[in-house]
PDB file of N, CA and C in Angstrom:
ATOM      1  N   MET A   1       0.855  -1.168   0.000  1.00  0.00           N
ATOM      2  CA  MET A   1       0.000   0.000   0.000  1.00  0.00           C
ATOM      3  C   MET A   1       0.899   1.228   0.000  1.00  0.00           C
ATOM      4  N   THR A   2       0.597   2.142  -0.873  1.00  0.00           N
ATOM      5  CA  THR A   2       1.354   3.384  -0.920  1.00  0.00           C
ATOM      6  C   THR A   2       0.659   4.434  -0.066  1.00  0.00           C
ATOM      7  N   PRO A   3       1.404   5.462   0.382  1.00  0.00           N
ATOM      8  CA  PRO A   3       0.787   6.506   1.208  1.00  0.00           C
ATOM      9  C   PRO A   3      -0.390   7.182   0.527  1.00  0.00           C
ATOM     10  N   THR A   4      -0.367   7.297  -0.788  1.00  0.00           N
ATOM     11  CA  THR A   4      -1.481   7.971  -1.470  1.00  0.00           C
ATOM     12  C   THR A   4      -2.738   7.134  -1.464  1.00  0.00           C
ATOM     13  N   GLU A   5      -2.614   5.833  -1.240  1.00  0.00           N
ATOM     14  CA  GLU A   5      -3.792   4.980  -1.238  1.00  0.00           C
ATOM     15  C   GLU A   5      -4.718   5.281  -0.070  1.00  0.00           C
ATOM     16  N   PHE A   6      -4.204   5.785   1.029  1.00  0.00           N
ATOM     17  CA  PHE A   6      -5.083   6.150   2.129  1.00  0.00           C
ATOM     18  C   PHE A   6      -4.965   7.637   2.459  1.00  0.00           C
ATOM     19  N   SER A   7      -4.590   8.444   1.448  1.00  0.00           N
ATOM     20  CA  SER A   7      -4.443   9.880   1.653  1.00  0.00           C
ATOM     21  C   SER A   7      -5.759  10.540   2.024  1.00  0.00           C
ATOM     22  N   ALA A   8      -6.888   9.895   1.740  1.00  0.00           N
ATOM     23  CA  ALA A   8      -8.188  10.448   2.132  1.00  0.00           C
ATOM     24  C   ALA A   8      -8.272  10.597   3.641  1.00  0.00           C
ATOM     25  N   LEU A   9      -7.442   9.884   4.381  1.00  0.00           N
ATOM     26  CA  LEU A   9      -7.480   9.954   5.840  1.00  0.00           C
ATOM     27  C   LEU A   9      -6.553  11.033   6.392  1.00  0.00           C
ATOM     28  N   ASP A  10      -5.659  11.573   5.588  1.00  0.00           N
ATOM     29  CA  ASP A  10      -4.719  12.591   6.066  1.00  0.00           C
ATOM     30  C   ASP A  10      -5.425  13.918   6.275  1.00  0.00           C
ATOM     31  N   GLY A  11      -5.099  14.575   7.377  1.00  0.00           N
ATOM     32  CA  GLY A  11      -5.615  15.911   7.657  1.00  0.00           C
ATOM     33  C   GLY A  11      -7.069  15.941   8.078  1.00  0.00           C
ATOM     34  N   THR A  12      -7.635  14.792   8.426  1.00  0.00           N
ATOM     35  CA  THR A  12      -9.022  14.722   8.872  1.00  0.00           C
ATOM     36  C   THR A  12      -9.054  14.192  10.296  1.00  0.00           C
ATOM     37  N   PRO A  13     -10.222  14.258  10.950  1.00  0.00           N
ATOM     38  CA  PRO A  13     -10.309  13.639  12.277  1.00  0.00           C
ATOM     39  C   PRO A  13     -10.027  12.140  12.240  1.00  0.00           C
ATOM     40  N   ALA A  14     -10.071  11.548  11.055  1.00  0.00           N
ATOM     41  CA  ALA A  14      -9.817  10.117  10.915  1.00  0.00           C
ATOM     42  C   ALA A  14      -8.350   9.795  10.648  1.00  0.00           C
ATOM     43  N   ALA A  15      -7.480  10.804  10.616  1.00  0.00           N
ATOM     44  CA  ALA A  15      -6.068  10.576  10.288  1.00  0.00           C
ATOM     45  C   ALA A  15      -5.397   9.691  11.334  1.00  0.00           C
ATOM     46  N   PRO A  16      -4.719   8.637  10.894  1.00  0.00           N
ATOM     47  CA  PRO A  16      -4.014   7.750  11.829  1.00  0.00           C
ATOM     48  C   PRO A  16      -2.890   8.478  12.559  1.00  0.00           C
ATOM     49  N   PRO A  17      -2.577   8.046  13.783  1.00  0.00           N
ATOM     50  CA  PRO A  17      -1.459   8.643  14.522  1.00  0.00           C
ATOM     51  C   PRO A  17      -0.142   8.448  13.773  1.00  0.00           C
ATOM     52  N   ARG A  18       0.687   9.485  13.802  1.00  0.00           N
ATOM     53  CA  ARG A  18       1.984   9.425  13.126  1.00  0.00           C
ATOM     54  C   ARG A  18       3.065  10.025  14.012  1.00  0.00           C
ATOM     55  N   SER A  19       4.284   9.612  13.737  1.00  0.00           N
ATOM     56  CA  SER A  19       5.467  10.198  14.344  1.00  0.00           C
ATOM     57  C   SER A  19       6.502  10.312  13.235  1.00  0.00           C
ATOM     58  N   ASN A  20       6.984  11.523  13.010  1.00  0.00           N
ATOM     59  CA  ASN A  20       7.926  11.770  11.910  1.00  0.00           C
ATOM     60  C   ASN A  20       7.404  11.242  10.578  1.00  0.00           C
ATOM     61  N   GLY A  21       6.102  11.370  10.356  1.00  0.00           N
ATOM     62  CA  GLY A  21       5.494  10.955   9.107  1.00  0.00           C
ATOM     63  C   GLY A  21       5.152   9.484   9.003  1.00  0.00           C
ATOM     64  N   GLU A  22       5.593   8.685   9.953  1.00  0.00           N
ATOM     65  CA  GLU A  22       5.344   7.244   9.926  1.00  0.00           C
ATOM     66  C   GLU A  22       4.144   6.896  10.802  1.00  0.00           C
ATOM     67  N   LEU A  23       3.348   5.915  10.349  1.00  0.00           N
ATOM     68  CA  LEU A  23       2.229   5.446  11.167  1.00  0.00           C
ATOM     69  C   LEU A  23       2.753   4.890  12.487  1.00  0.00           C
ATOM     70  N   VAL A  24       1.988   5.125  13.551  1.00  0.00           N
ATOM     71  CA  VAL A  24       2.382   4.675  14.885  1.00  0.00           C
ATOM     72  C   VAL A  24       1.358   3.667  15.402  1.00  0.00           C
ATOM     73  N   PHE A  25       1.846   2.517  15.837  1.00  0.00           N
ATOM     74  CA  PHE A  25       1.014   1.483  16.436  1.00  0.00           C
ATOM     75  C   PHE A  25       1.621   1.126  17.780  1.00  0.00           C
ATOM     76  N   GLU A  26       0.789   1.104  18.828  1.00  0.00           N
ATOM     77  CA  GLU A  26       1.289   0.754  20.155  1.00  0.00           C
ATOM     78  C   GLU A  26       1.233  -0.744  20.426  1.00  0.00           C
ATOM     79  N   HIS A  27       0.312  -1.436  19.750  1.00  0.00           N
ATOM     80  CA  HIS A  27       0.096  -2.858  20.002  1.00  0.00           C
ATOM     81  C   HIS A  27      -0.025  -3.597  18.667  1.00  0.00           C
ATOM     82  N   PRO A  28       0.356  -4.863  18.637  1.00  0.00           N
ATOM     83  CA  PRO A  28       0.257  -5.626  17.385  1.00  0.00           C
ATOM     84  C   PRO A  28      -1.158  -5.665  16.807  1.00  0.00           C
ATOM     85  N   TRP A  29      -2.176  -5.715  17.644  1.00  0.00           N
ATOM     86  CA  TRP A  29      -3.545  -5.779  17.124  1.00  0.00           C
ATOM     87  C   TRP A  29      -3.897  -4.512  16.339  1.00  0.00           C
ATOM     88  N   GLU A  30      -3.304  -3.393  16.694  1.00  0.00           N
ATOM     89  CA  GLU A  30      -3.575  -2.154  15.964  1.00  0.00           C
ATOM     90  C   GLU A  30      -3.035  -2.245  14.539  1.00  0.00           C
ATOM     91  N   THR A  31      -1.854  -2.809  14.407  1.00  0.00           N
ATOM     92  CA  THR A  31      -1.258  -3.011  13.092  1.00  0.00           C
ATOM     93  C   THR A  31      -2.127  -3.947  12.257  1.00  0.00           C
ATOM     94  N   ARG A  32      -2.602  -5.028  12.891  1.00  0.00           N
ATOM     95  CA  ARG A  32      -3.447  -5.979  12.179  1.00  0.00           C
ATOM     96  C   ARG A  32      -4.761  -5.339  11.746  1.00  0.00           C
ATOM     97  N   ALA A  33      -5.367  -4.525  12.620  1.00  0.00           N
ATOM     98  CA  ALA A  33      -6.633  -3.863  12.274  1.00  0.00           C
ATOM     99  C   ALA A  33      -6.424  -2.916  11.096  1.00  0.00           C
ATOM    100  N   PHE A  34      -5.326  -2.186  11.098  1.00  0.00           N
ATOM    101  CA  PHE A  34      -5.036  -1.287   9.990  1.00  0.00           C
ATOM    102  C   PHE A  34      -4.814  -2.086   8.707  1.00  0.00           C
ATOM    103  N   GLY A  35      -4.027  -3.152   8.813  1.00  0.00           N
ATOM    104  CA  GLY A  35      -3.744  -3.990   7.651  1.00  0.00           C
ATOM    105  C   GLY A  35      -4.987  -4.663   7.094  1.00  0.00           C
ATOM    106  N   LEU A  36      -5.881  -5.081   7.975  1.00  0.00           N
ATOM    107  CA  LEU A  36      -7.118  -5.697   7.523  1.00  0.00           C
ATOM    108  C   LEU A  36      -7.953  -4.704   6.726  1.00  0.00           C
ATOM    109  N   ALA A  37      -8.029  -3.474   7.219  1.00  0.00           N
ATOM    110  CA  ALA A  37      -8.762  -2.442   6.470  1.00  0.00           C
ATOM    111  C   ALA A  37      -8.112  -2.224   5.105  1.00  0.00           C
ATOM    112  N   ALA A  38      -6.789  -2.155   5.079  1.00  0.00           N
ATOM    113  CA  ALA A  38      -6.082  -1.961   3.806  1.00  0.00           C
ATOM    114  C   ALA A  38      -6.364  -3.115   2.841  1.00  0.00           C
ATOM    115  N   ASP A  39      -6.375  -4.344   3.354  1.00  0.00           N
ATOM    116  CA  ASP A  39      -6.667  -5.505   2.505  1.00  0.00           C
ATOM    117  C   ASP A  39      -8.096  -5.468   1.970  1.00  0.00           C
ATOM    118  N   LEU A  40      -9.046  -5.057   2.819  1.00  0.00           N
ATOM    119  CA  LEU A  40     -10.440  -4.985   2.373  1.00  0.00           C
ATOM    120  C   LEU A  40     -10.638  -3.881   1.341  1.00  0.00           C
ATOM    121  N   VAL A  41      -9.908  -2.773   1.505  1.00  0.00           N
ATOM    122  CA  VAL A  41      -9.958  -1.712   0.493  1.00  0.00           C
ATOM    123  C   VAL A  41      -9.348  -2.232  -0.814  1.00  0.00           C
ATOM    124  N   ALA A  42      -8.181  -2.861  -0.720  1.00  0.00           N
ATOM    125  CA  ALA A  42      -7.510  -3.392  -1.909  1.00  0.00           C
ATOM    126  C   ALA A  42      -8.376  -4.445  -2.606  1.00  0.00           C
ATOM    127  N   GLY A  43      -9.173  -5.171  -1.820  1.00  0.00           N
ATOM    128  CA  GLY A  43     -10.047  -6.191  -2.381  1.00  0.00           C
ATOM    129  C   GLY A  43     -11.335  -5.638  -2.968  1.00  0.00           C
ATOM    130  N   GLY A  44     -11.526  -4.329  -2.859  1.00  0.00           N
ATOM    131  CA  GLY A  44     -12.695  -3.701  -3.453  1.00  0.00           C
ATOM    132  C   GLY A  44     -13.965  -3.779  -2.629  1.00  0.00           C
ATOM    133  N   HIS A  45     -13.851  -4.149  -1.362  1.00  0.00           N
ATOM    134  CA  HIS A  45     -15.037  -4.267  -0.513  1.00  0.00           C
ATOM    135  C   HIS A  45     -15.577  -2.909  -0.080  1.00  0.00           C
ATOM    136  N   PHE A  46     -14.680  -1.941   0.053  1.00  0.00           N
ATOM    137  CA  PHE A  46     -15.029  -0.542   0.304  1.00  0.00           C
ATOM    138  C   PHE A  46     -13.795   0.275   0.018  1.00  0.00           C
ATOM    139  N   ASP A  47     -13.904   1.591   0.066  1.00  0.00           N
ATOM    140  CA  ASP A  47     -12.732   2.427  -0.197  1.00  0.00           C
ATOM    141  C   ASP A  47     -12.373   3.238   1.041  1.00  0.00           C
ATOM    142  N   TRP A  48     -11.262   3.963   0.935  1.00  0.00           N
ATOM    143  CA  TRP A  48     -10.769   4.699   2.098  1.00  0.00           C
ATOM    144  C   TRP A  48     -11.747   5.773   2.567  1.00  0.00           C
ATOM    145  N   SER A  49     -12.512   6.330   1.643  1.00  0.00           N
ATOM    146  CA  SER A  49     -13.488   7.328   2.090  1.00  0.00           C
ATOM    147  C   SER A  49     -14.576   6.674   2.936  1.00  0.00           C
ATOM    148  N   ASP A  50     -14.903   5.409   2.669  1.00  0.00           N
ATOM    149  CA  ASP A  50     -15.859   4.687   3.518  1.00  0.00           C
ATOM    150  C   ASP A  50     -15.286   4.491   4.915  1.00  0.00           C
ATOM    151  N   VAL A  51     -13.999   4.132   4.973  1.00  0.00           N
ATOM    152  CA  VAL A  51     -13.327   3.977   6.271  1.00  0.00           C
ATOM    153  C   VAL A  51     -13.332   5.309   7.005  1.00  0.00           C
ATOM    154  N   GLN A  52     -13.005   6.366   6.288  1.00  0.00           N
ATOM    155  CA  GLN A  52     -12.966   7.706   6.884  1.00  0.00           C
ATOM    156  C   GLN A  52     -14.317   8.071   7.489  1.00  0.00           C
ATOM    157  N   HIS A  53     -15.384   7.908   6.745  1.00  0.00           N
ATOM    158  CA  HIS A  53     -16.709   8.281   7.231  1.00  0.00           C
ATOM    159  C   HIS A  53     -17.131   7.421   8.427  1.00  0.00           C
ATOM    160  N   ALA A  54     -16.859   6.121   8.356  1.00  0.00           N
ATOM    161  CA  ALA A  54     -17.204   5.238   9.471  1.00  0.00           C
ATOM    162  C   ALA A  54     -16.402   5.602  10.716  1.00  0.00           C
ATOM    163  N   LEU A  55     -15.136   5.934  10.539  1.00  0.00           N
ATOM    164  CA  LEU A  55     -14.286   6.292  11.668  1.00  0.00           C
ATOM    165  C   LEU A  55     -14.709   7.620  12.282  1.00  0.00           C
ATOM    166  N   ILE A  56     -15.000   8.598  11.460  1.00  0.00           N
ATOM    167  CA  ILE A  56     -15.463   9.890  11.970  1.00  0.00           C
ATOM    168  C   ILE A  56     -16.763   9.700  12.741  1.00  0.00           C
ATOM    169  N   SER A  57     -17.631   8.844  12.257  1.00  0.00           N
ATOM    170  CA  SER A  57     -18.880   8.558  12.948  1.00  0.00           C
ATOM    171  C   SER A  57     -18.631   7.930  14.317  1.00  0.00           C
ATOM    172  N   GLN A  58     -17.710   6.963  14.368  1.00  0.00           N
ATOM    173  CA  GLN A  58     -17.369   6.318  15.644  1.00  0.00           C
ATOM    174  C   GLN A  58     -16.780   7.320  16.627  1.00  0.00           C
ATOM    175  N   ILE A  59     -15.875   8.155  16.139  1.00  0.00           N
ATOM    176  CA  ILE A  59     -15.257   9.167  17.000  1.00  0.00           C
ATOM    177  C   ILE A  59     -16.317  10.148  17.489  1.00  0.00           C
ATOM    178  N   GLY A  60     -17.239  10.526  16.620  1.00  0.00           N
ATOM    179  CA  GLY A  60     -18.314  11.439  17.005  1.00  0.00           C
ATOM    180  C   GLY A  60     -19.184  10.871  18.107  1.00  0.00           C
ATOM    181  N   ARG A  61     -19.482   9.560  18.035  1.00  0.00           N
ATOM    182  CA  ARG A  61     -20.264   8.921  19.098  1.00  0.00           C
ATOM    183  C   ARG A  61     -19.500   8.951  20.417  1.00  0.00           C
ATOM    184  N   TRP A  62     -18.200   8.705  20.356  1.00  0.00           N
ATOM    185  CA  TRP A  62     -17.386   8.732  21.573  1.00  0.00           C
ATOM    186  C   TRP A  62     -17.377  10.143  22.163  1.00  0.00           C
ATOM    187  N   GLU A  63     -17.197  11.149  21.315  1.00  0.00           N
ATOM    188  CA  GLU A  63     -17.163  12.534  21.789  1.00  0.00           C
ATOM    189  C   GLU A  63     -18.496  12.957  22.401  1.00  0.00           C
ATOM    190  N   ALA A  64     -19.592  12.458  21.858  1.00  0.00           N
ATOM    191  CA  ALA A  64     -20.922  12.825  22.360  1.00  0.00           C
ATOM    192  C   ALA A  64     -21.266  12.122  23.674  1.00  0.00           C
ATOM    193  N   ASP A  65     -20.574  11.045  23.969  1.00  0.00           N
ATOM    194  CA  ASP A  65     -20.837  10.286  25.192  1.00  0.00           C
ATOM    195  C   ASP A  65     -20.192  11.011  26.374  1.00  0.00           C
ATOM    196  N   GLU A  66     -21.005  11.581  27.215  1.00  0.00           N
ATOM    197  CA  GLU A  66     -20.486  12.303  28.381  1.00  0.00           C
ATOM    198  C   GLU A  66     -20.661  11.515  29.664  1.00  0.00           C
ATOM    199  N   SER A  67     -20.939  10.222  29.537  1.00  0.00           N
ATOM    200  CA  SER A  67     -21.154   9.399  30.724  1.00  0.00           C
ATOM    201  C   SER A  67     -19.836   9.190  31.466  1.00  0.00           C
ATOM    202  N   PRO A  68     -19.930   9.024  32.787  1.00  0.00           N
ATOM    203  CA  PRO A  68     -18.709   8.801  33.574  1.00  0.00           C
ATOM    204  C   PRO A  68     -17.979   7.510  33.193  1.00  0.00           C
ATOM    205  N   GLY A  69     -18.705   6.560  32.626  1.00  0.00           N
ATOM    206  CA  GLY A  69     -18.098   5.284  32.258  1.00  0.00           C
ATOM    207  C   GLY A  69     -17.530   5.245  30.862  1.00  0.00           C
ATOM    208  N   ARG A  70     -17.440   6.405  30.210  1.00  0.00           N
ATOM    209  CA  ARG A  70     -16.914   6.439  28.839  1.00  0.00           C
ATOM    210  C   ARG A  70     -15.498   5.892  28.816  1.00  0.00           C
ATOM    211  N   ARG A  71     -15.230   5.049  27.838  1.00  0.00           N
ATOM    212  CA  ARG A  71     -13.888   4.473  27.700  1.00  0.00           C
ATOM    213  C   ARG A  71     -12.884   5.578  27.388  1.00  0.00           C
ATOM    214  N   PRO A  72     -11.653   5.405  27.823  1.00  0.00           N
ATOM    215  CA  PRO A  72     -10.625   6.394  27.488  1.00  0.00           C
ATOM    216  C   PRO A  72     -10.380   6.419  25.978  1.00  0.00           C
ATOM    217  N   TRP A  73      -9.809   7.511  25.521  1.00  0.00           N
ATOM    218  CA  TRP A  73      -9.516   7.673  24.098  1.00  0.00           C
ATOM    219  C   TRP A  73      -8.573   6.588  23.616  1.00  0.00           C
ATOM    220  N   SER A  74      -8.913   5.980  22.496  1.00  0.00           N
ATOM    221  CA  SER A  74      -8.044   5.021  21.824  1.00  0.00           C
ATOM    222  C   SER A  74      -8.361   5.086  20.341  1.00  0.00           C
ATOM    223  N   TYR A  75      -7.477   5.679  19.564  1.00  0.00           N
ATOM    224  CA  TYR A  75      -7.703   5.817  18.126  1.00  0.00           C
ATOM    225  C   TYR A  75      -8.037   4.472  17.495  1.00  0.00           C
ATOM    226  N   TYR A  76      -7.235   3.461  17.778  1.00  0.00           N
ATOM    227  CA  TYR A  76      -7.427   2.198  17.087  1.00  0.00           C
ATOM    228  C   TYR A  76      -8.624   1.410  17.608  1.00  0.00           C
ATOM    229  N   GLU A  77      -9.103   1.674  18.804  1.00  0.00           N
ATOM    230  CA  GLU A  77     -10.377   1.075  19.205  1.00  0.00           C
ATOM    231  C   GLU A  77     -11.499   1.650  18.354  1.00  0.00           C
ATOM    232  N   HIS A  78     -11.429   2.952  18.051  1.00  0.00           N
ATOM    233  CA  HIS A  78     -12.415   3.560  17.162  1.00  0.00           C
ATOM    234  C   HIS A  78     -12.252   3.002  15.742  1.00  0.00           C
ATOM    235  N   TRP A  79     -11.017   2.831  15.325  1.00  0.00           N
ATOM    236  CA  TRP A  79     -10.726   2.274  14.004  1.00  0.00           C
ATOM    237  C   TRP A  79     -11.352   0.885  13.885  1.00  0.00           C
ATOM    238  N   LEU A  80     -11.133   0.058  14.905  1.00  0.00           N
ATOM    239  CA  LEU A  80     -11.663  -1.300  14.883  1.00  0.00           C
ATOM    240  C   LEU A  80     -13.192  -1.293  14.872  1.00  0.00           C
ATOM    241  N   ALA A  81     -13.811  -0.448  15.682  1.00  0.00           N
ATOM    242  CA  ALA A  81     -15.277  -0.352  15.693  1.00  0.00           C
ATOM    243  C   ALA A  81     -15.799   0.089  14.326  1.00  0.00           C
ATOM    244  N   ALA A  82     -15.114   1.032  13.694  1.00  0.00           N
ATOM    245  CA  ALA A  82     -15.517   1.485  12.359  1.00  0.00           C
ATOM    246  C   ALA A  82     -15.377   0.350  11.351  1.00  0.00           C
ATOM    247  N   LEU A  83     -14.284  -0.391  11.442  1.00  0.00           N
ATOM    248  CA  LEU A  83     -14.065  -1.516  10.534  1.00  0.00           C
ATOM    249  C   LEU A  83     -15.139  -2.580  10.725  1.00  0.00           C
ATOM    250  N   GLU A  84     -15.458  -2.888  11.982  1.00  0.00           N
ATOM    251  CA  GLU A  84     -16.517  -3.864  12.259  1.00  0.00           C
ATOM    252  C   GLU A  84     -17.852  -3.389  11.702  1.00  0.00           C
ATOM    253  N   ALA A  85     -18.130  -2.098  11.830  1.00  0.00           N
ATOM    254  CA  ALA A  85     -19.383  -1.546  11.295  1.00  0.00           C
ATOM    255  C   ALA A  85     -19.427  -1.685   9.771  1.00  0.00           C
ATOM    256  N   LEU A  86     -18.308  -1.413   9.111  1.00  0.00           N
ATOM    257  CA  LEU A  86     -18.266  -1.564   7.650  1.00  0.00           C
ATOM    258  C   LEU A  86     -18.434  -3.018   7.219  1.00  0.00           C
ATOM    259  N   VAL A  87     -17.782  -3.924   7.930  1.00  0.00           N
ATOM    260  CA  VAL A  87     -17.897  -5.355   7.611  1.00  0.00           C
ATOM    261  C   VAL A  87     -19.349  -5.805   7.772  1.00  0.00           C
ATOM    262  N   ALA A  88     -20.000  -5.357   8.846  1.00  0.00           N
ATOM    263  CA  ALA A  88     -21.399  -5.718   9.061  1.00  0.00           C
ATOM    264  C   ALA A  88     -22.295  -5.063   8.014  1.00  0.00           C
ATOM    265  N   ASP A  89     -22.060  -3.779   7.735  1.00  0.00           N
ATOM    266  CA  ASP A  89     -22.876  -3.044   6.770  1.00  0.00           C
ATOM    267  C   ASP A  89     -22.795  -3.665   5.386  1.00  0.00           C
ATOM    268  N   ARG A  90     -21.615  -4.108   4.995  1.00  0.00           N
ATOM    269  CA  ARG A  90     -21.416  -4.715   3.663  1.00  0.00           C
ATOM    270  C   ARG A  90     -21.722  -6.211   3.676  1.00  0.00           C
ATOM    271  N   GLU A  91     -22.113  -6.715   4.852  1.00  0.00           N
ATOM    272  CA  GLU A  91     -22.448  -8.129   5.026  1.00  0.00           C
ATOM    273  C   GLU A  91     -21.315  -9.055   4.596  1.00  0.00           C
ATOM    274  N   LEU A  92     -20.080  -8.654   4.932  1.00  0.00           N
ATOM    275  CA  LEU A  92     -18.922  -9.497   4.634  1.00  0.00           C
ATOM    276  C   LEU A  92     -18.851 -10.664   5.610  1.00  0.00           C
ATOM    277  N   LEU A  93     -19.315 -10.444   6.836  1.00  0.00           N
ATOM    278  CA  LEU A  93     -19.484 -11.488   7.852  1.00  0.00           C
ATOM    279  C   LEU A  93     -20.764 -11.169   8.594  1.00  0.00           C
ATOM    280  N   ASP A  94     -21.484 -12.204   9.018  1.00  0.00           N
ATOM    281  CA  ASP A  94     -22.645 -11.905   9.842  1.00  0.00           C
ATOM    282  C   ASP A  94     -22.178 -11.646  11.280  1.00  0.00           C
ATOM    283  N   GLU A  95     -23.057 -11.117  12.100  1.00  0.00           N
ATOM    284  CA  GLU A  95     -22.707 -10.717  13.473  1.00  0.00           C
ATOM    285  C   GLU A  95     -22.144 -11.878  14.283  1.00  0.00           C
ATOM    286  N   ILE A  96     -22.714 -13.046  14.140  1.00  0.00           N
ATOM    287  CA  ILE A  96     -22.245 -14.214  14.901  1.00  0.00           C
ATOM    288  C   ILE A  96     -20.830 -14.582  14.478  1.00  0.00           C
ATOM    289  N   ALA A  97     -20.568 -14.641  13.180  1.00  0.00           N
ATOM    290  CA  ALA A  97     -19.226 -14.982  12.688  1.00  0.00           C
ATOM    291  C   ALA A  97     -18.215 -13.937  13.120  1.00  0.00           C
ATOM    292  N   LEU A  98     -18.605 -12.664  13.082  1.00  0.00           N
ATOM    293  CA  LEU A  98     -17.714 -11.590  13.508  1.00  0.00           C
ATOM    294  C   LEU A  98     -17.357 -11.741  14.979  1.00  0.00           C
ATOM    295  N   GLN A  99     -18.348 -12.007  15.824  1.00  0.00           N
ATOM    296  CA  GLN A  99     -18.098 -12.180  17.253  1.00  0.00           C
ATOM    297  C   GLN A  99     -17.245 -13.423  17.523  1.00  0.00           C
ATOM    298  N   GLU A 100     -17.515 -14.502  16.813  1.00  0.00           N
ATOM    299  CA  GLU A 100     -16.721 -15.721  16.994  1.00  0.00           C
ATOM    300  C   GLU A 100     -15.254 -15.473  16.664  1.00  0.00           C
ATOM    301  N   ARG A 101     -15.003 -14.757  15.575  1.00  0.00           N
ATOM    302  CA  ARG A 101     -13.614 -14.457  15.203  1.00  0.00           C
ATOM    303  C   ARG A 101     -12.964 -13.528  16.216  1.00  0.00           C
ATOM    304  N   ALA A 102     -13.706 -12.544  16.690  1.00  0.00           N
ATOM    305  CA  ALA A 102     -13.157 -11.626  17.694  1.00  0.00           C
ATOM    306  C   ALA A 102     -12.789 -12.378  18.962  1.00  0.00           C
ATOM    307  N   HIS A 103     -13.654 -13.276  19.411  1.00  0.00           N
ATOM    308  CA  HIS A 103     -13.360 -14.057  20.621  1.00  0.00           C
ATOM    309  C   HIS A 103     -12.184 -14.998  20.403  1.00  0.00           C
ATOM    310  N   SER A 104     -12.096 -15.564  19.215  1.00  0.00           N
ATOM    311  CA  SER A 104     -10.985 -16.452  18.900  1.00  0.00           C
ATOM    312  C   SER A 104      -9.656 -15.712  18.956  1.00  0.00           C
ATOM    313  N   TYR A 105      -9.615 -14.518  18.361  1.00  0.00           N
ATOM    314  CA  TYR A 105      -8.384 -13.722  18.404  1.00  0.00           C
ATOM    315  C   TYR A 105      -8.054 -13.299  19.830  1.00  0.00           C
ATOM    316  N   ALA A 106      -9.065 -12.919  20.587  1.00  0.00           N
ATOM    317  CA  ALA A 106      -8.837 -12.457  21.960  1.00  0.00           C
ATOM    318  C   ALA A 106      -8.345 -13.590  22.865  1.00  0.00           C
ATOM    319  N   ALA A 107      -8.688 -14.820  22.532  1.00  0.00           N
ATOM    320  CA  ALA A 107      -8.318 -15.968  23.367  1.00  0.00           C
ATOM    321  C   ALA A 107      -6.899 -16.470  23.083  1.00  0.00           C
ATOM    322  N   ARG A 108      -6.243 -15.942  22.072  1.00  0.00           N
ATOM    323  CA  ARG A 108      -4.888 -16.418  21.755  1.00  0.00           C
ATOM    324  C   ARG A 108      -3.933 -16.085  22.903  1.00  0.00           C
ATOM    325  N   PRO A 109      -2.930 -16.911  23.091  1.00  0.00           N
ATOM    326  CA  PRO A 109      -1.994 -16.670  24.188  1.00  0.00           C
ATOM    327  C   PRO A 109      -1.210 -15.379  24.030  1.00  0.00           C
ATOM    328  N   HIS A 110      -0.796 -14.820  25.162  1.00  0.00           N
ATOM    329  CA  HIS A 110       0.004 -13.600  25.166  1.00  0.00           C
ATOM    330  C   HIS A 110       1.264 -13.826  24.342  1.00  0.00           C
ATOM    331  N   GLY A 111       1.632 -12.829  23.564  1.00  0.00           N
ATOM    332  CA  GLY A 111       2.835 -12.921  22.745  1.00  0.00           C
ATOM    333  C   GLY A 111       2.575 -13.461  21.356  1.00  0.00           C
ATOM    334  N   HIS A 112       1.376 -13.947  21.127  1.00  0.00           N
ATOM    335  CA  HIS A 112       1.025 -14.449  19.791  1.00  0.00           C
ATOM    336  C   HIS A 112       0.542 -13.230  19.002  1.00  0.00           C
ATOM    337  N   ASP A 113       1.380 -12.698  18.134  1.00  0.00           N
ATOM    338  CA  ASP A 113       1.064 -11.423  17.495  1.00  0.00           C
ATOM    339  C   ASP A 113       0.706 -11.518  16.015  1.00  0.00           C
ATOM    340  N   HIS A 114       0.359 -12.675  15.532  1.00  0.00           N
ATOM    341  CA  HIS A 114      -0.046 -12.772  14.129  1.00  0.00           C
ATOM    342  C   HIS A 114      -1.176 -13.760  13.965  1.00  0.00           C
TER     343      HIS A 114
END
């Protein structure tokens, strides 16, 4: 993937975190979530503007939530929620299959990063 392929995300509220121009990931799952979105875009399932709109929507919901139990800010948690929403919206996986895969990934042993 070239930088111009996801340039629709630059300079917007959906822009990925960067340091010295390079994408920044704190955890392996964040890298995988980003890569999965890139693969789905490359596969023609949706485009970067769809990711951008879904992500902005997720961030907007988080910003509007003023409850004391609101989760702390996490860019890639919003990214993942947006990706899940797009997968469900495009019916790439049904809700049960999506949840089963999420639980399967979450159950992997610590240190298993792929």
